PDB file of N, CA and C in Angstrom:
ATOM      1  N   MET A   1       0.888  -1.123   0.024  1.00  0.00           N
ATOM      2  CA  MET A   1      -0.088   0.066   0.222  1.00  0.00           C
ATOM      3  C   MET A   1       0.696   1.145   0.047  1.00  0.00           C
ATOM      4  N   MET A   2       0.496   2.224  -1.128  1.00  0.00           N
ATOM      5  CA  MET A   2       1.230   3.358  -1.218  1.00  0.00           C
ATOM      6  C   MET A   2       0.709   4.283  -0.158  1.00  0.00           C
ATOM      7  N   LEU A   3       1.772   4.998   0.104  1.00  0.00           N
ATOM      8  CA  LEU A   3       1.089   6.398   1.635  1.00  0.00           C
ATOM      9  C   LEU A   3       1.289   7.759   0.204  1.00  0.00           C
ATOM     10  N   ALA A   4      -0.285   8.309   0.716  1.00  0.00           N
ATOM     11  CA  ALA A   4       0.154   9.826  -0.056  1.00  0.00           C
ATOM     12  C   ALA A   4       0.697  10.690   0.755  1.00  0.00           C
ATOM     13  N   LEU A   5       1.804  11.066   0.047  1.00  0.00           N
ATOM     14  CA  LEU A   5       2.171  12.279   0.821  1.00  0.00           C
ATOM     15  C   LEU A   5       2.334  13.144   0.714  1.00  0.00           C
ATOM     16  N   SER A   6       1.719  14.426   1.586  1.00  0.00           N
ATOM     17  CA  SER A   6       1.340  16.143   0.976  1.00  0.00           C
ATOM     18  C   SER A   6       3.086  16.347   0.107  1.00  0.00           C
ATOM     19  N   ALA A   7       3.187  17.738  -0.212  1.00  0.00           N
ATOM     20  CA  ALA A   7       4.883  18.545  -1.096  1.00  0.00           C
ATOM     21  C   ALA A   7       5.232  18.813   1.041  1.00  0.00           C
ATOM     22  N   GLU A   8       4.596  19.437   1.825  1.00  0.00           N
ATOM     23  CA  GLU A   8       4.932  19.647   3.448  1.00  0.00           C
ATOM     24  C   GLU A   8       5.459  18.929   4.132  1.00  0.00           C
ATOM     25  N   THR A   9       4.895  17.522   3.737  1.00  0.00           N
ATOM     26  CA  THR A   9       5.636  16.355   4.631  1.00  0.00           C
ATOM     27  C   THR A   9       6.543  15.888   4.315  1.00  0.00           C
ATOM     28  N   GLY A  10       6.611  15.665   2.874  1.00  0.00           N
ATOM     29  CA  GLY A  10       7.754  15.729   1.664  1.00  0.00           C
ATOM     30  C   GLY A  10       9.476  16.318   1.686  1.00  0.00           C
ATOM     31  N   LEU A  11       8.634  17.421   1.990  1.00  0.00           N
ATOM     32  CA  LEU A  11       9.830  18.730   2.306  1.00  0.00           C
ATOM     33  C   LEU A  11      10.542  18.285   3.853  1.00  0.00           C
ATOM     34  N   LEU A  12       9.008  17.992   4.919  1.00  0.00           N
ATOM     35  CA  LEU A  12       9.939  18.100   6.061  1.00  0.00           C
ATOM     36  C   LEU A  12      10.321  16.496   6.307  1.00  0.00           C
ATOM     37  N   ILE A  13      10.438  15.839   5.607  1.00  0.00           N
ATOM     38  CA  ILE A  13      11.261  14.447   5.600  1.00  0.00           C
ATOM     39  C   ILE A  13      12.575  14.269   5.015  1.00  0.00           C
ATOM     40  N   MET A  14      12.729  15.498   3.907  1.00  0.00           N
ATOM     41  CA  MET A  14      13.968  15.960   3.211  1.00  0.00           C
ATOM     42  C   MET A  14      14.936  16.381   4.460  1.00  0.00           C
ATOM     43  N   TRP A  15      13.836  17.633   4.866  1.00  0.00           N
ATOM     44  CA  TRP A  15      15.050  18.391   5.749  1.00  0.00           C
ATOM     45  C   TRP A  15      15.038  17.802   7.092  1.00  0.00           C
ATOM     46  N   VAL A  16      14.683  16.937   7.545  1.00  0.00           N
ATOM     47  CA  VAL A  16      14.831  15.577   8.966  1.00  0.00           C
ATOM     48  C   VAL A  16      16.477  15.016   7.950  1.00  0.00           C
ATOM     49  N   VAL A  17      16.177  14.117   6.998  1.00  0.00           N
ATOM     50  CA  VAL A  17      17.495  13.230   6.455  1.00  0.00           C
ATOM     51  C   VAL A  17      18.504  14.408   6.511  1.00  0.00           C
ATOM     52  N   PHE A  18      18.767  15.311   5.834  1.00  0.00           N
ATOM     53  CA  PHE A  18      19.638  16.063   5.598  1.00  0.00           C
ATOM     54  C   PHE A  18      20.293  16.638   6.967  1.00  0.00           C
ATOM     55  N   SER A  19      19.766  16.703   7.790  1.00  0.00           N
ATOM     56  CA  SER A  19      20.062  17.413   8.960  1.00  0.00           C
ATOM     57  C   SER A  19      20.848  16.296   9.706  1.00  0.00           C
ATOM     58  N   ALA A  20      20.185  15.088   9.791  1.00  0.00           N
ATOM     59  CA  ALA A  20      20.647  13.751  10.172  1.00  0.00           C
ATOM     60  C   ALA A  20      21.987  13.377   9.380  1.00  0.00           C
ATOM     61  N   LEU A  21      22.391  13.792   8.051  1.00  0.00           N
ATOM     62  CA  LEU A  21      23.582  13.184   7.191  1.00  0.00           C
ATOM     63  C   LEU A  21      24.050  14.482   7.357  1.00  0.00           C
ATOM     64  N   ALA A  22      24.132  15.871   7.567  1.00  0.00           N
ATOM     65  CA  ALA A  22      24.928  16.905   8.365  1.00  0.00           C
ATOM     66  C   ALA A  22      25.652  16.510   9.718  1.00  0.00           C
ATOM     67  N   LEU A  23      24.862  16.106  10.846  1.00  0.00           N
ATOM     68  CA  LEU A  23      25.304  15.851  12.009  1.00  0.00           C
ATOM     69  C   LEU A  23      25.896  14.653  11.874  1.00  0.00           C
ATOM     70  N   LEU A  24      26.072  13.570  11.210  1.00  0.00           N
ATOM     71  CA  LEU A  24      26.853  12.287  10.806  1.00  0.00           C
ATOM     72  C   LEU A  24      28.043  12.940  10.592  1.00  0.00           C
ATOM     73  N   ALA A  25      27.813  14.336   9.371  1.00  0.00           N
ATOM     74  CA  ALA A  25      29.641  14.305   8.913  1.00  0.00           C
ATOM     75  C   ALA A  25      29.924  14.716  10.017  1.00  0.00           C
ATOM     76  N   VAL A  26      29.791  16.138  10.630  1.00  0.00           N
ATOM     77  CA  VAL A  26      30.026  17.029  11.953  1.00  0.00           C
ATOM     78  C   VAL A  26      30.982  16.174  12.631  1.00  0.00           C
ATOM     79  N   ILE A  27      29.779  14.907  13.270  1.00  0.00           N
ATOM     80  CA  ILE A  27      30.589  13.932  13.966  1.00  0.00           C
ATOM     81  C   ILE A  27      31.741  13.283  13.377  1.00  0.00           C
ATOM     82  N   ALA A  28      31.701  13.140  12.672  1.00  0.00           N
ATOM     83  CA  ALA A  28      33.116  12.314  11.444  1.00  0.00           C
ATOM     84  C   ALA A  28      34.121  12.611  11.652  1.00  0.00           C
ATOM     85  N   VAL A  29      33.646  14.352  11.307  1.00  0.00           N
ATOM     86  CA  VAL A  29      35.032  14.892  11.392  1.00  0.00           C
ATOM     87  C   VAL A  29      35.703  15.655  12.568  1.00  0.00           C
ATOM     88  N   PHE A  30      34.784  15.917  13.464  1.00  0.00           N
ATOM     89  CA  PHE A  30      34.956  15.681  14.812  1.00  0.00           C
ATOM     90  C   PHE A  30      36.250  14.318  15.632  1.00  0.00           C
ATOM     91  N   VAL A  31      35.629  13.785  15.456  1.00  0.00           N
ATOM     92  CA  VAL A  31      35.990  11.945  15.635  1.00  0.00           C
ATOM     93  C   VAL A  31      37.898  11.856  14.848  1.00  0.00           C
ATOM     94  N   TRP A  32      37.906  11.803  13.767  1.00  0.00           N
ATOM     95  CA  TRP A  32      38.754  12.498  12.691  1.00  0.00           C
ATOM     96  C   TRP A  32      39.689  13.156  13.569  1.00  0.00           C
ATOM     97  N   ALA A  33      39.238  14.536  13.981  1.00  0.00           N
ATOM     98  CA  ALA A  33      40.323  15.595  14.684  1.00  0.00           C
ATOM     99  C   ALA A  33      41.032  14.778  15.856  1.00  0.00           C
ATOM    100  N   ILE A  34      40.065  13.580  16.573  1.00  0.00           N
ATOM    101  CA  ILE A  34      40.646  13.483  17.910  1.00  0.00           C
ATOM    102  C   ILE A  34      41.503  12.601  17.657  1.00  0.00           C
ATOM    103  N   ARG A  35      41.235  11.769  16.745  1.00  0.00           N
ATOM    104  CA  ARG A  35      41.716  10.433  16.319  1.00  0.00           C
ATOM    105  C   ARG A  35      43.823  10.724  15.548  1.00  0.00           C
ATOM    106  N   THR A  36      43.152  11.762  15.012  1.00  0.00           N
ATOM    107  CA  THR A  36      44.428  12.527  14.814  1.00  0.00           C
ATOM    108  C   THR A  36      45.556  13.509  15.140  1.00  0.00           C
ATOM    109  N   ARG A  37      44.953  13.678  16.584  1.00  0.00           N
ATOM    110  CA  ARG A  37      45.174  14.663  17.669  1.00  0.00           C
ATOM    111  C   ARG A  37      45.576  15.872  16.826  1.00  0.00           C
ATOM    112  N   GLN A  38      44.710  16.582  16.247  1.00  0.00           N
ATOM    113  CA  GLN A  38      44.455  18.134  16.099  1.00  0.00           C
ATOM    114  C   GLN A  38      44.359  18.536  16.896  1.00  0.00           C
ATOM    115  N   PHE A  39      43.996  18.329  18.027  1.00  0.00           N
ATOM    116  CA  PHE A  39      43.715  19.462  19.216  1.00  0.00           C
ATOM    117  C   PHE A  39      45.054  19.725  20.287  1.00  0.00           C
ATOM    118  N   ARG A  40      46.165  18.695  19.684  1.00  0.00           N
ATOM    119  CA  ARG A  40      47.147  18.574  21.092  1.00  0.00           C
ATOM    120  C   ARG A  40      47.861  19.611  21.511  1.00  0.00           C
ATOM    121  N   ASN A  41      48.255  20.925  20.781  1.00  0.00           N
ATOM    122  CA  ASN A  41      49.045  21.522  21.143  1.00  0.00           C
ATOM    123  C   ASN A  41      48.039  23.259  20.745  1.00  0.00           C
ATOM    124  N   GLN A  42      47.255  23.570  21.674  1.00  0.00           N
ATOM    125  CA  GLN A  42      46.599  24.315  21.227  1.00  0.00           C
ATOM    126  C   GLN A  42      47.180  25.762  21.807  1.00  0.00           C
ATOM    127  N   ASP A  43      48.221  26.114  22.652  1.00  0.00           N
ATOM    128  CA  ASP A  43      49.398  27.425  22.886  1.00  0.00           C
ATOM    129  C   ASP A  43      49.973  27.671  21.377  1.00  0.00           C
ATOM    130  N   ARG A  44      50.029  26.569  20.445  1.00  0.00           N
ATOM    131  CA  ARG A  44      50.950  26.735  19.118  1.00  0.00           C
ATOM    132  C   ARG A  44      50.174  27.833  18.687  1.00  0.00           C
ATOM    133  N   ALA A  45      48.755  27.919  18.433  1.00  0.00           N
ATOM    134  CA  ALA A  45      48.188  29.075  17.484  1.00  0.00           C
ATOM    135  C   ALA A  45      48.420  30.231  17.666  1.00  0.00           C
ATOM    136  N   ARG A  46      48.439  30.588  19.126  1.00  0.00           N
ATOM    137  CA  ARG A  46      49.152  32.249  19.520  1.00  0.00           C
ATOM    138  C   ARG A  46      49.746  32.508  19.084  1.00  0.00           C
ATOM    139  N   TYR A  47      51.379  31.795  18.738  1.00  0.00           N
ATOM    140  CA  TYR A  47      52.254  32.245  18.323  1.00  0.00           C
ATOM    141  C   TYR A  47      52.567  32.094  16.926  1.00  0.00           C
ATOM    142  N   LEU A  48      51.910  31.312  16.055  1.00  0.00           N
ATOM    143  CA  LEU A  48      51.836  31.856  14.779  1.00  0.00           C
ATOM    144  C   LEU A  48      52.319  32.690  14.221  1.00  0.00           C
ATOM    145  N   ALA A  49      51.290  33.945  14.289  1.00  0.00           N
ATOM    146  CA  ALA A  49      51.788  34.886  13.615  1.00  0.00           C
ATOM    147  C   ALA A  49      53.163  35.741  14.101  1.00  0.00           C
ATOM    148  N   LEU A  50      53.829  35.588  14.977  1.00  0.00           N
ATOM    149  CA  LEU A  50      54.822  36.194  15.662  1.00  0.00           C
ATOM    150  C   LEU A  50      56.063  35.245  14.554  1.00  0.00           C
ATOM    151  N   ASP A  51      55.877  33.970  14.707  1.00  0.00           N
ATOM    152  CA  ASP A  51      57.096  33.470  13.586  1.00  0.00           C
ATOM    153  C   ASP A  51      57.212  33.530  12.132  1.00  0.00           C
ATOM    154  N   SER A  52      57.161  34.533  11.748  1.00  0.00           N
ATOM    155  CA  SER A  52      57.496  35.009  10.222  1.00  0.00           C
ATOM    156  C   SER A  52      58.014  34.609   9.366  1.00  0.00           C
ATOM    157  N   LYS A  53      58.741  34.476   9.442  1.00  0.00           N
ATOM    158  CA  LYS A  53      60.333  34.037   8.874  1.00  0.00           C
ATOM    159  C   LYS A  53      61.102  35.053   7.987  1.00  0.00           C
ATOM    160  N   ILE A  54      60.952  36.748   8.933  1.00  0.00           N
ATOM    161  CA  ILE A  54      61.225  37.560   7.282  1.00  0.00           C
ATOM    162  C   ILE A  54      62.236  38.118   8.725  1.00  0.00           C
ATOM    163  N   GLU A  55      63.382  38.735   8.241  1.00  0.00           N
ATOM    164  CA  GLU A  55      64.129  39.373   9.279  1.00  0.00           C
ATOM    165  C   GLU A  55      63.784  40.270   9.746  1.00  0.00           C
ATOM    166  N   ASP A  56      64.730  41.114  10.702  1.00  0.00           N
ATOM    167  CA  ASP A  56      63.859  42.999  11.189  1.00  0.00           C
ATOM    168  C   ASP A  56      64.591  43.638   9.942  1.00  0.00           C
ATOM    169  N   ASP A  57      65.774  43.451   9.556  1.00  0.00           N
ATOM    170  CA  ASP A  57      65.952  44.748   8.720  1.00  0.00           C
ATOM    171  C   ASP A  57      65.515  44.073   7.408  1.00  0.00           C
ATOM    172  N   GLN A  58      65.199  43.213   6.869  1.00  0.00           N
ATOM    173  CA  GLN A  58      64.249  42.630   5.628  1.00  0.00           C
ATOM    174  C   GLN A  58      62.788  42.864   5.122  1.00  0.00           C
ATOM    175  N   THR A  59      62.359  43.429   4.404  1.00  0.00           N
ATOM    176  CA  THR A  59      60.836  43.902   4.428  1.00  0.00           C
ATOM    177  C   THR A  59      60.717  43.623   3.333  1.00  0.00           C
ATOM    178  N   PRO A  60      59.007  42.917   3.012  1.00  0.00           N
ATOM    179  CA  PRO A  60      58.644  42.215   1.687  1.00  0.00           C
ATOM    180  C   PRO A  60      58.921  42.942   0.958  1.00  0.00           C
ATOM    181  N   ALA A  61      59.094  42.820  -0.919  1.00  0.00           N
ATOM    182  CA  ALA A  61      58.790  43.931  -1.624  1.00  0.00           C
ATOM    183  C   ALA A  61      57.083  43.956  -2.001  1.00  0.00           C
ATOM    184  N   PRO A  62      56.972  45.190  -2.633  1.00  0.00           N
ATOM    185  CA  PRO A  62      55.497  45.084  -2.609  1.00  0.00           C
ATOM    186  C   PRO A  62      55.155  44.045  -3.818  1.00  0.00           C
ATOM    187  N   PRO A  63      53.712  43.802  -3.653  1.00  0.00           N
ATOM    188  CA  PRO A  63      53.035  42.954  -5.158  1.00  0.00           C
ATOM    189  C   PRO A  63      53.298  43.612  -6.306  1.00  0.00           C
ATOM    190  N   ASP A  64      53.158  44.460  -6.583  1.00  0.00           N
ATOM    191  CA  ASP A  64      53.645  45.070  -8.088  1.00  0.00           C
ATOM    192  C   ASP A  64      54.593  45.504  -8.394  1.00  0.00           C
ATOM    193  N   SER A  65      55.731  45.553  -7.374  1.00  0.00           N
ATOM    194  CA  SER A  65      57.134  45.366  -7.817  1.00  0.00           C
ATOM    195  C   SER A  65      57.881  44.554  -8.330  1.00  0.00           C
ATOM    196  N   PRO A  66      59.094  44.459  -8.681  1.00  0.00           N
ATOM    197  CA  PRO A  66      60.020  43.501  -9.130  1.00  0.00           C
ATOM    198  C   PRO A  66      60.537  42.723  -8.192  1.00  0.00           C
ATOM    199  N   ALA A  67      60.535  41.620  -7.918  1.00  0.00           N
ATOM    200  CA  ALA A  67      61.525  41.035  -6.828  1.00  0.00           C
ATOM    201  C   ALA A  67      62.717  41.451  -6.166  1.00  0.00           C
ATOM    202  N   SER A  68      63.521  41.246  -5.266  1.00  0.00           N
ATOM    203  CA  SER A  68      64.860  41.979  -4.862  1.00  0.00           C
ATOM    204  C   SER A  68      65.572  41.390  -6.172  1.00  0.00           C
ATOM    205  N   GLY A  69      66.298  42.195  -6.627  1.00  0.00           N
ATOM    206  CA  GLY A  69      67.467  42.103  -8.005  1.00  0.00           C
ATOM    207  C   GLY A  69      66.938  42.045  -9.072  1.00  0.00           C
ATOM    208  N   GLU A  70      65.917  41.629  -9.577  1.00  0.00           N
ATOM    209  CA  GLU A  70      65.395  41.759 -10.803  1.00  0.00           C
ATOM    210  C   GLU A  70      65.029  42.553 -11.400  1.00  0.00           C
ATOM    211  N   LYS A  71      65.178  42.523 -12.534  1.00  0.00           N
ATOM    212  CA  LYS A  71      64.846  43.902 -13.620  1.00  0.00           C
ATOM    213  C   LYS A  71      63.613  44.025 -14.232  1.00  0.00           C
ATOM    214  N   LYS A  72      62.971  45.150 -13.882  1.00  0.00           N
ATOM    215  CA  LYS A  72      62.002  45.059 -14.701  1.00  0.00           C
ATOM    216  C   LYS A  72      61.841  45.551 -15.732  1.00  0.00           C
ATOM    217  N   GLU A  73      61.409  44.689 -16.760  1.00  0.00           N
ATOM    218  CA  GLU A  73      61.032  45.042 -18.362  1.00  0.00           C
ATOM    219  C   GLU A  73      59.837  45.997 -18.259  1.00  0.00           C
ATOM    220  N   SER A  74      60.080  47.051 -19.265  1.00  0.00           N
ATOM    221  CA  SER A  74      59.219  48.247 -19.306  1.00  0.00           C
ATOM    222  C   SER A  74      58.615  47.713 -20.730  1.00  0.00           C
ATOM    223  N   THR A  75      57.678  47.906 -20.847  1.00  0.00           N
ATOM    224  CA  THR A  75      56.765  47.795 -22.296  1.00  0.00           C
ATOM    225  C   THR A  75      56.183  48.698 -23.132  1.00  0.00           C
ATOM    226  N   ASP A  76      57.132  50.217 -22.674  1.00  0.00           N
ATOM    227  CA  ASP A  76      56.404  51.006 -22.869  1.00  0.00           C
ATOM    228  C   ASP A  76      57.318  51.373 -24.656  1.00  0.00           C
ATOM    229  N   VAL A  77      56.807  51.890 -25.836  1.00  0.00           N
ATOM    230  CA  VAL A  77      57.245  51.812 -27.211  1.00  0.00           C
ATOM    231  C   VAL A  77      57.724  53.445 -27.319  1.00  0.00           C
ATOM    232  N   PRO A  78      59.025  53.748 -27.586  1.00  0.00           N
ATOM    233  CA  PRO A  78      59.456  54.883 -27.504  1.00  0.00           C
ATOM    234  C   PRO A  78      58.356  55.537 -28.805  1.00  0.00           C
ATOM    235  N   ALA A  79      58.314  57.074 -28.698  1.00  0.00           N
ATOM    236  CA  ALA A  79      57.453  57.518 -29.477  1.00  0.00           C
ATOM    237  C   ALA A  79      58.179  58.373 -30.256  1.00  0.00           C
TER     238      ALA A  79
END
Protein backbone atom coordinates (compact mmCIF):
# COMPACT_ATOMS: atom_id res chain seq x y z
CA MET A 1 0.00 0.00 0.00
CA MET A 2 1.45 3.37 -1.04
CA LEU A 3 1.10 6.31 1.27
CA ALA A 4 0.26 9.61 -0.33
CA LEU A 5 2.51 12.28 1.14
CA SER A 6 1.75 15.94 0.86
CA ALA A 7 4.39 18.39 -0.33
CA GLU A 8 4.88 19.71 3.20
CA THR A 9 5.47 16.22 4.59
CA GLY A 10 7.94 15.41 1.83
CA LEU A 11 9.83 18.63 2.50
CA LEU A 12 9.90 17.89 6.23
CA ILE A 13 11.27 14.40 5.62
CA MET A 14 13.91 15.82 3.28
CA TRP A 15 15.04 18.35 5.93
CA VAL A 16 15.19 15.68 8.65
CA VAL A 17 17.30 13.40 6.44
CA PHE A 18 19.56 16.31 5.42
CA SER A 19 20.00 17.36 9.06
CA ALA A 20 20.83 13.80 10.11
CA LEU A 21 23.45 13.49 7.35
CA ALA A 22 24.98 16.85 8.28
CA LEU A 23 25.14 15.81 11.94
CA LEU A 24 26.84 12.54 10.99
CA ALA A 25 29.38 14.46 8.88
CA VAL A 26 30.18 16.83 11.77
CA ILE A 27 30.59 13.91 14.16
CA ALA A 28 32.86 12.12 11.66
CA VAL A 29 35.09 15.21 11.29
CA PHE A 30 35.24 15.63 15.08
CA VAL A 31 36.20 11.97 15.59
CA TRP A 32 38.87 12.32 12.87
CA ALA A 33 40.27 15.42 14.59
CA ILE A 34 40.45 13.65 17.95
CA ARG A 35 42.06 10.50 16.51
CA THR A 36 44.72 12.46 14.56
CA ARG A 37 45.45 14.71 17.56
CA GLN A 38 44.51 17.96 15.86
CA PHE A 39 43.84 19.57 19.26
CA ARG A 40 47.03 18.43 21.03
CA ASN A 41 48.99 21.73 20.93
CA GLN A 42 46.53 24.56 21.41
CA ASP A 43 49.19 27.06 22.51
CA ARG A 44 50.93 26.87 19.10
CA ALA A 45 48.25 28.96 17.36
CA ARG A 46 48.85 32.04 19.49
CA TYR A 47 52.52 32.19 18.43
CA LEU A 48 52.12 31.53 14.69
CA ALA A 49 51.81 35.23 13.84
CA LEU A 50 55.07 35.99 15.65
CA ASP A 51 57.00 33.35 13.70
CA SER A 52 56.99 35.15 10.36
CA LYS A 53 60.37 33.95 8.97
CA ILE A 54 61.20 37.54 7.86
CA GLU A 55 64.37 39.11 9.23
CA ASP A 56 63.99 42.40 11.10
CA ASP A 57 65.99 44.39 8.53
CA GLN A 58 64.34 42.73 5.54
CA THR A 59 61.02 44.06 4.31
CA PRO A 60 58.87 42.19 1.81
CA ALA A 61 58.63 43.62 -1.70
CA PRO A 62 55.30 45.18 -2.67
CA PRO A 63 53.23 42.90 -4.92
CA ASP A 64 53.52 45.05 -8.07
CA SER A 65 57.26 45.73 -7.81
CA PRO A 66 59.88 43.27 -9.04
CA ALA A 67 61.47 40.92 -6.54
CA SER A 68 64.82 41.87 -5.06
CA GLY A 69 67.47 42.17 -7.76
CA GLU A 70 65.18 41.46 -10.70
CA LYS A 71 64.93 44.02 -13.45
CA LYS A 72 61.45 45.02 -14.53
CA GLU A 73 61.03 45.02 -18.27
CA SER A 74 59.43 48.09 -19.73
CA THR A 75 56.64 47.59 -22.21
CA ASP A 76 56.63 51.25 -23.23
CA VAL A 77 57.34 51.84 -26.90
CA PRO A 78 59.36 55.01 -27.62
CA ALA A 79 57.41 57.53 -29.66
